[in-house]
Amino acid sequence: MKQPPNPYLLDPKPEEVGFLVGKNWEDPELYAAVPLMGSTTQLVIIYKGNQIKVCRNRKSAQNFIDKHRKGKSVAKLPVD
């Protein structure tokens, strides 16, 4: 019998596996949501190598990353 692609699919309370938000691994604006050790739902948000927040669940982590990304300005003003 073939194992399902998501081994946590049949668990009553699956553990969070985390996710990445960004274009690719070389993207300097990459966000990583990593599971917090000892918790089944909490995620740590890592941005530019720094821990910036601990979120209670996946939805709050996604909302935080969306708000944090919108707050960043990508345009640069010319300096004379």
N, C-alpha and C. Protein backbone atom coordinates (compact mmCIF):
# COMPACT_ATOMS: atom_id res chain seq x y z
N MET A 1 0.83 -1.18 0.00
CA MET A 1 0.00 0.00 0.00
C MET A 1 0.88 1.25 0.00
N LYS A 2 0.51 2.20 -0.83
CA LYS A 2 1.28 3.43 -0.96
C LYS A 2 0.91 4.41 0.17
N GLN A 3 1.94 5.04 0.75
CA GLN A 3 1.71 5.99 1.83
C GLN A 3 1.14 7.29 1.25
N PRO A 4 0.18 7.94 1.93
CA PRO A 4 -0.37 9.20 1.41
C PRO A 4 0.70 10.28 1.37
N PRO A 5 0.58 11.25 0.44
CA PRO A 5 1.59 12.29 0.33
C PRO A 5 1.71 13.15 1.59
N ASN A 6 0.63 13.31 2.34
CA ASN A 6 0.67 14.05 3.59
C ASN A 6 0.48 13.06 4.73
N PRO A 7 1.54 12.68 5.43
CA PRO A 7 1.42 11.66 6.48
C PRO A 7 0.55 12.09 7.65
N TYR A 8 0.29 13.40 7.80
CA TYR A 8 -0.52 13.90 8.91
C TYR A 8 -2.01 13.97 8.55
N LEU A 9 -2.37 13.53 7.37
CA LEU A 9 -3.73 13.66 6.86
C LEU A 9 -4.76 12.98 7.76
N LEU A 10 -4.44 11.84 8.33
CA LEU A 10 -5.40 11.09 9.12
C LEU A 10 -5.31 11.35 10.62
N ASP A 11 -4.38 12.19 11.05
CA ASP A 11 -4.26 12.52 12.47
C ASP A 11 -5.43 13.41 12.90
N PRO A 12 -6.01 13.18 14.09
CA PRO A 12 -7.11 14.03 14.53
C PRO A 12 -6.67 15.48 14.76
N LYS A 13 -5.45 15.68 15.26
CA LYS A 13 -4.90 17.02 15.43
C LYS A 13 -3.53 17.06 14.76
N PRO A 14 -3.50 17.35 13.47
CA PRO A 14 -2.21 17.32 12.77
C PRO A 14 -1.28 18.44 13.24
N GLU A 15 -0.01 18.15 13.25
CA GLU A 15 0.99 19.16 13.60
C GLU A 15 1.21 20.06 12.41
N GLU A 16 1.52 21.32 12.70
CA GLU A 16 1.79 22.29 11.65
C GLU A 16 3.14 21.99 11.02
N VAL A 17 3.24 22.08 9.69
CA VAL A 17 4.48 21.78 9.00
C VAL A 17 5.21 23.03 8.54
N GLY A 18 4.57 24.21 8.60
CA GLY A 18 5.21 25.45 8.21
C GLY A 18 5.08 25.71 6.73
N PHE A 19 5.53 26.93 6.32
CA PHE A 19 5.45 27.31 4.92
C PHE A 19 6.40 28.47 4.64
N LEU A 20 6.63 28.74 3.36
CA LEU A 20 7.48 29.84 2.90
C LEU A 20 6.66 30.79 2.06
N VAL A 21 6.98 32.08 2.14
CA VAL A 21 6.35 33.08 1.29
C VAL A 21 7.47 33.88 0.64
N GLY A 22 7.55 33.82 -0.68
CA GLY A 22 8.57 34.54 -1.43
C GLY A 22 8.71 33.93 -2.80
N LYS A 23 9.53 34.55 -3.63
CA LYS A 23 9.69 34.08 -5.01
C LYS A 23 10.51 32.79 -5.08
N ASN A 24 11.65 32.77 -4.43
CA ASN A 24 12.52 31.59 -4.44
C ASN A 24 13.49 31.69 -3.26
N TRP A 25 14.38 30.72 -3.15
CA TRP A 25 15.32 30.69 -2.02
C TRP A 25 16.28 31.87 -2.01
N GLU A 26 16.58 32.44 -3.18
CA GLU A 26 17.53 33.55 -3.25
C GLU A 26 16.87 34.89 -2.97
N ASP A 27 15.55 34.92 -2.82
CA ASP A 27 14.81 36.15 -2.58
C ASP A 27 15.15 36.71 -1.21
N PRO A 28 15.69 37.95 -1.13
CA PRO A 28 16.02 38.52 0.19
C PRO A 28 14.78 38.85 1.02
N GLU A 29 13.62 38.92 0.39
CA GLU A 29 12.37 39.24 1.08
C GLU A 29 11.59 37.97 1.44
N LEU A 30 12.26 36.85 1.60
CA LEU A 30 11.62 35.57 1.89
C LEU A 30 11.18 35.52 3.36
N TYR A 31 9.96 35.07 3.56
CA TYR A 31 9.42 34.84 4.90
C TYR A 31 9.31 33.34 5.11
N ALA A 32 9.60 32.89 6.32
CA ALA A 32 9.44 31.48 6.67
C ALA A 32 8.60 31.39 7.94
N ALA A 33 7.59 30.55 7.90
CA ALA A 33 6.79 30.26 9.09
C ALA A 33 7.17 28.86 9.54
N VAL A 34 7.86 28.77 10.67
CA VAL A 34 8.44 27.52 11.16
C VAL A 34 7.70 27.09 12.41
N PRO A 35 7.37 25.80 12.54
CA PRO A 35 6.67 25.34 13.75
C PRO A 35 7.50 25.58 15.01
N LEU A 36 6.83 26.00 16.06
CA LEU A 36 7.47 26.22 17.35
C LEU A 36 7.58 24.89 18.08
N MET A 37 8.76 24.61 18.61
CA MET A 37 8.99 23.34 19.29
C MET A 37 8.12 23.24 20.54
N GLY A 38 7.47 22.10 20.69
CA GLY A 38 6.62 21.88 21.84
C GLY A 38 5.18 22.32 21.64
N SER A 39 4.86 22.85 20.46
CA SER A 39 3.50 23.29 20.17
C SER A 39 3.01 22.62 18.90
N THR A 40 1.71 22.36 18.84
CA THR A 40 1.15 21.73 17.63
C THR A 40 0.58 22.76 16.66
N THR A 41 0.40 24.01 17.10
CA THR A 41 -0.21 25.00 16.21
C THR A 41 0.61 26.27 16.04
N GLN A 42 1.44 26.63 17.00
CA GLN A 42 2.16 27.90 16.91
C GLN A 42 3.26 27.88 15.87
N LEU A 43 3.44 29.06 15.20
CA LEU A 43 4.46 29.22 14.18
C LEU A 43 5.32 30.44 14.50
N VAL A 44 6.61 30.34 14.22
CA VAL A 44 7.53 31.46 14.38
C VAL A 44 7.78 32.04 12.99
N ILE A 45 7.61 33.35 12.85
CA ILE A 45 7.85 34.02 11.57
C ILE A 45 9.30 34.48 11.55
N ILE A 46 10.03 34.06 10.50
CA ILE A 46 11.44 34.44 10.33
C ILE A 46 11.55 35.25 9.05
N TYR A 47 12.21 36.41 9.17
CA TYR A 47 12.38 37.31 8.03
C TYR A 47 13.80 37.85 8.07
N LYS A 48 14.54 37.69 7.00
CA LYS A 48 15.94 38.12 6.89
C LYS A 48 16.79 37.56 8.03
N GLY A 49 16.52 36.32 8.42
CA GLY A 49 17.31 35.64 9.43
C GLY A 49 16.97 35.99 10.86
N ASN A 50 15.94 36.83 11.06
CA ASN A 50 15.55 37.23 12.41
C ASN A 50 14.14 36.74 12.73
N GLN A 51 13.94 36.31 13.95
CA GLN A 51 12.61 35.94 14.41
C GLN A 51 11.86 37.23 14.70
N ILE A 52 10.71 37.43 14.02
CA ILE A 52 10.00 38.69 14.22
C ILE A 52 8.69 38.53 14.98
N LYS A 53 8.11 37.33 15.02
CA LYS A 53 6.85 37.16 15.73
C LYS A 53 6.56 35.67 15.93
N VAL A 54 5.82 35.37 17.00
CA VAL A 54 5.28 34.03 17.22
C VAL A 54 3.77 34.15 17.04
N CYS A 55 3.23 33.38 16.11
CA CYS A 55 1.79 33.41 15.80
C CYS A 55 1.12 32.18 16.37
N ARG A 56 -0.16 32.32 16.72
CA ARG A 56 -0.90 31.23 17.36
C ARG A 56 -1.28 30.12 16.41
N ASN A 57 -1.53 30.45 15.12
CA ASN A 57 -1.93 29.44 14.15
C ASN A 57 -1.54 29.87 12.74
N ARG A 58 -1.84 29.02 11.76
CA ARG A 58 -1.45 29.27 10.37
C ARG A 58 -2.13 30.52 9.81
N LYS A 59 -3.40 30.70 10.11
CA LYS A 59 -4.14 31.85 9.58
C LYS A 59 -3.56 33.16 10.10
N SER A 60 -3.25 33.23 11.39
CA SER A 60 -2.68 34.46 11.94
C SER A 60 -1.28 34.72 11.37
N ALA A 61 -0.54 33.66 11.09
CA ALA A 61 0.78 33.82 10.48
C ALA A 61 0.65 34.38 9.07
N GLN A 62 -0.31 33.86 8.29
CA GLN A 62 -0.52 34.37 6.94
C GLN A 62 -0.96 35.83 6.97
N ASN A 63 -1.86 36.18 7.88
CA ASN A 63 -2.31 37.56 7.99
C ASN A 63 -1.16 38.49 8.36
N PHE A 64 -0.33 38.06 9.33
CA PHE A 64 0.80 38.89 9.74
C PHE A 64 1.78 39.11 8.58
N ILE A 65 2.09 38.05 7.85
CA ILE A 65 3.03 38.18 6.73
C ILE A 65 2.45 39.11 5.67
N ASP A 66 1.16 38.98 5.36
CA ASP A 66 0.54 39.88 4.38
C ASP A 66 0.63 41.34 4.81
N LYS A 67 0.34 41.62 6.08
CA LYS A 67 0.41 42.99 6.58
C LYS A 67 1.85 43.50 6.60
N HIS A 68 2.77 42.63 6.98
CA HIS A 68 4.18 43.03 7.06
C HIS A 68 4.74 43.32 5.66
N ARG A 69 4.34 42.53 4.67
CA ARG A 69 4.80 42.74 3.29
C ARG A 69 4.25 44.03 2.72
N LYS A 70 3.00 44.36 3.03
CA LYS A 70 2.39 45.60 2.53
C LYS A 70 3.03 46.83 3.15
N GLY A 71 3.56 46.70 4.35
CA GLY A 71 4.19 47.82 5.03
C GLY A 71 5.57 48.15 4.50
N LYS A 72 6.14 47.26 3.70
CA LYS A 72 7.48 47.47 3.17
C LYS A 72 7.40 48.24 1.85
N SER A 73 8.15 49.29 1.72
CA SER A 73 8.19 50.08 0.49
C SER A 73 9.30 49.53 -0.41
N VAL A 74 8.97 49.30 -1.67
CA VAL A 74 9.98 48.78 -2.59
C VAL A 74 10.56 49.88 -3.47
N ALA A 75 9.90 51.06 -3.49
CA ALA A 75 10.40 52.16 -4.31
C ALA A 75 11.48 52.91 -3.54
N LYS A 76 12.46 53.40 -4.27
CA LYS A 76 13.55 54.17 -3.66
C LYS A 76 13.57 55.54 -4.33
N LEU A 77 13.68 56.56 -3.51
CA LEU A 77 13.73 57.92 -4.04
C LEU A 77 15.16 58.23 -4.47
N PRO A 78 15.31 58.96 -5.58
CA PRO A 78 16.67 59.33 -6.00
C PRO A 78 17.27 60.34 -5.03
N VAL A 79 18.53 60.15 -4.71
CA VAL A 79 19.24 61.05 -3.81
C VAL A 79 20.22 61.85 -4.65
N ASP A 80 20.09 63.18 -4.59
CA ASP A 80 20.98 64.06 -5.39
C ASP A 80 22.15 64.56 -4.61
